C-alpha atoms as a PDB file:
ATOM      1  CA  MET A   1       0.000   0.000   0.000  1.00  0.00           C
ATOM      2  CA  SER A   2       1.345   3.430  -0.865  1.00  0.00           C
ATOM      3  CA  PRO A   3       1.401   6.125   1.816  1.00  0.00           C
ATOM      4  CA  SER A   4      -1.607   8.415   1.745  1.00  0.00           C
ATOM      5  CA  LEU A   5      -2.354  11.794   3.225  1.00  0.00           C
ATOM      6  CA  PHE A   6      -3.829  11.449   6.727  1.00  0.00           C
ATOM      7  CA  GLN A   7      -3.589   7.640   6.697  1.00  0.00           C
ATOM      8  CA  TYR A   8      -3.277   7.493  10.502  1.00  0.00           C
ATOM      9  CA  LEU A   9      -6.363   9.645  10.954  1.00  0.00           C
ATOM     10  CA  ILE A  10      -8.488   7.813   8.381  1.00  0.00           C
ATOM     11  CA  LEU A  11      -7.513   4.135   8.306  1.00  0.00           C
ATOM     12  CA  PRO A  12      -7.463   2.677  11.841  1.00  0.00           C
ATOM     13  CA  SER A  13     -10.831   2.232  13.514  1.00  0.00           C
ATOM     14  CA  ASP A  14     -11.720   4.720  16.234  1.00  0.00           C
ATOM     15  CA  ALA A  15     -13.821   2.087  18.016  1.00  0.00           C
ATOM     16  CA  GLU A  16     -11.323  -0.741  17.854  1.00  0.00           C
ATOM     17  CA  GLY A  17      -7.624  -0.880  17.226  1.00  0.00           C
ATOM     18  CA  VAL A  18      -4.277   0.061  18.614  1.00  0.00           C
ATOM     19  CA  TYR A  19      -2.063   3.126  18.401  1.00  0.00           C
ATOM     20  CA  LEU A  20       1.493   2.560  19.570  1.00  0.00           C
ATOM     21  CA  PRO A  21       3.723   5.331  20.998  1.00  0.00           C
ATOM     22  CA  THR A  22       6.245   4.561  18.257  1.00  0.00           C
ATOM     23  CA  ASP A  23       6.946   6.421  15.022  1.00  0.00           C
ATOM     24  CA  PHE A  24       6.580   4.252  11.927  1.00  0.00           C
ATOM     25  CA  ALA A  25       5.931   5.283   8.324  1.00  0.00           C
ATOM     26  CA  GLN A  26       2.759   3.373   7.428  1.00  0.00           C
ATOM     27  CA  VAL A  27      -0.259   1.891   9.147  1.00  0.00           C
ATOM     28  CA  ILE A  28       0.397  -1.787   9.885  1.00  0.00           C
ATOM     29  CA  PHE A  29      -2.258  -4.172   8.650  1.00  0.00           C
ATOM     30  CA  ASP A  30      -2.826  -7.292  10.759  1.00  0.00           C
ATOM     31  CA  GLY A  31      -3.694 -10.122   8.401  1.00  0.00           C
ATOM     32  CA  ALA A  32      -4.366 -12.705  11.120  1.00  0.00           C
ATOM     33  CA  GLN A  33      -7.340 -14.957  10.493  1.00  0.00           C
ATOM     34  CA  PRO A  34      -9.467 -14.957  12.488  1.00  0.00           C
ATOM     35  CA  GLN A  35      -8.949 -11.296  13.251  1.00  0.00           C
ATOM     36  CA  ARG A  36      -7.466 -10.641  16.690  1.00  0.00           C
ATOM     37  CA  ASP A  37      -9.809  -9.024  19.222  1.00  0.00           C
ATOM     38  CA  GLY A  38      -9.191  -5.333  19.855  1.00  0.00           C
ATOM     39  CA  ILE A  39      -6.766  -4.748  16.983  1.00  0.00           C
ATOM     40  CA  GLY A  40      -9.374  -3.932  14.342  1.00  0.00           C
ATOM     41  CA  GLY A  41      -7.057  -5.177  11.608  1.00  0.00           C
ATOM     42  CA  MET A  42      -4.733  -2.169  11.834  1.00  0.00           C
ATOM     43  CA  VAL A  43      -2.075  -0.718  14.122  1.00  0.00           C
ATOM     44  CA  GLY A  44      -1.284   2.991  14.025  1.00  0.00           C
ATOM     45  CA  SER A  45       1.520   5.243  15.199  1.00  0.00           C
ATOM     46  CA  ALA A  46       0.479   7.753  17.877  1.00  0.00           C
ATOM     47  CA  PRO A  47       3.261  10.240  16.951  1.00  0.00           C
ATOM     48  CA  ARG A  48       2.198  10.127  13.282  1.00  0.00           C
ATOM     49  CA  LEU A  49      -1.469  10.561  14.257  1.00  0.00           C
ATOM     50  CA  LEU A  50      -0.541  13.626  16.320  1.00  0.00           C
ATOM     51  CA  LYS A  51       1.423  15.060  13.392  1.00  0.00           C
ATOM     52  CA  GLU A  52      -1.558  14.560  11.058  1.00  0.00           C
ATOM     53  CA  CYS A  53      -3.950  16.163  13.557  1.00  0.00           C
ATOM     54  CA  LEU A  54      -1.656  19.189  13.967  1.00  0.00           C
ATOM     55  CA  THR A  55      -1.340  19.529  10.179  1.00  0.00           C
ATOM     56  CA  LEU A  56      -5.123  19.489   9.813  1.00  0.00           C
ATOM     57  CA  ALA A  57      -5.532  21.955  12.706  1.00  0.00           C
ATOM     58  CA  ARG A  58      -3.125  24.389  11.012  1.00  0.00           C
ATOM     59  CA  PHE A  59      -4.948  23.981   7.689  1.00  0.00           C
ATOM     60  CA  ILE A  60      -8.308  24.973   9.217  1.00  0.00           C
ATOM     61  CA  ASN A  61      -6.782  27.615  11.538  1.00  0.00           C
ATOM     62  CA  LEU A  62      -7.888  25.808  14.691  1.00  0.00           C
ATOM     63  CA  PRO A  63      -6.310  27.504  17.708  1.00  0.00           C
ATOM     64  CA  LEU A  64      -4.127  24.885  19.391  1.00  0.00           C
ATOM     65  CA  ASP A  65      -4.815  26.328  22.822  1.00  0.00           C
ATOM     66  CA  ILE A  66      -8.620  26.252  22.539  1.00  0.00           C
ATOM     67  CA  ASP A  67     -10.503  24.681  25.419  1.00  0.00           C
ATOM     68  CA  ILE A  68     -12.671  21.963  23.872  1.00  0.00           C
ATOM     69  CA  GLU A  69     -15.222  22.504  26.645  1.00  0.00           C
ATOM     70  CA  SER A  70     -15.408  26.288  26.125  1.00  0.00           C
ATOM     71  CA  GLU A  71     -18.612  28.143  25.305  1.00  0.00           C
ATOM     72  CA  GLU A  72     -17.062  29.188  21.975  1.00  0.00           C
ATOM     73  CA  MET A  73     -16.619  25.555  20.987  1.00  0.00           C
ATOM     74  CA  TRP A  74     -20.138  24.579  22.047  1.00  0.00           C
ATOM     75  CA  ASP A  75     -21.588  27.588  20.196  1.00  0.00           C
ATOM     76  CA  VAL A  76     -19.868  26.474  16.984  1.00  0.00           C
ATOM     77  CA  VAL A  77     -21.113  22.900  17.427  1.00  0.00           C
ATOM     78  CA  ASP A  78     -24.686  24.015  18.150  1.00  0.00           C
ATOM     79  CA  ASP A  79     -24.902  26.699  15.460  1.00  0.00           C
ATOM     80  CA  PRO A  80     -22.015  26.730  12.955  1.00  0.00           C
ATOM     81  CA  PRO A  81     -21.703  29.969  10.979  1.00  0.00           C
ATOM     82  CA  SER A  82     -21.855  29.873   7.177  1.00  0.00           C
ATOM     83  CA  GLN A  83     -18.619  31.837   6.835  1.00  0.00           C
ATOM     84  CA  GLY A  84     -15.566  32.767   8.847  1.00  0.00           C
ATOM     85  CA  GLU A  85     -12.735  30.669  10.258  1.00  0.00           C
ATOM     86  CA  LEU A  86     -12.568  27.250   8.583  1.00  0.00           C
ATOM     87  CA  TRP A  87     -12.668  25.381  11.893  1.00  0.00           C
ATOM     88  CA  LYS A  88     -15.986  27.007  12.732  1.00  0.00           C
ATOM     89  CA  ILE A  89     -17.885  26.284   9.509  1.00  0.00           C
END
């Protein structure tokens, strides 16, 4: 499989799977049959996932110091504006 943009954010399951605190270039696919419980068929790199999340945050101008429980965040979730900062729309 060739590397793809945001592979660590997109490929591994968010409900099942493993992210290791190790930096490796591509998502590891577990081909065990039957599939091993809890792995979800893929193993991701936590440092690479963080890098992808920070890249995406910069792209949409998301303030890195924003409090995810702040009123501003809840206001955007409840009633997103039609224009303005990319992270809000």
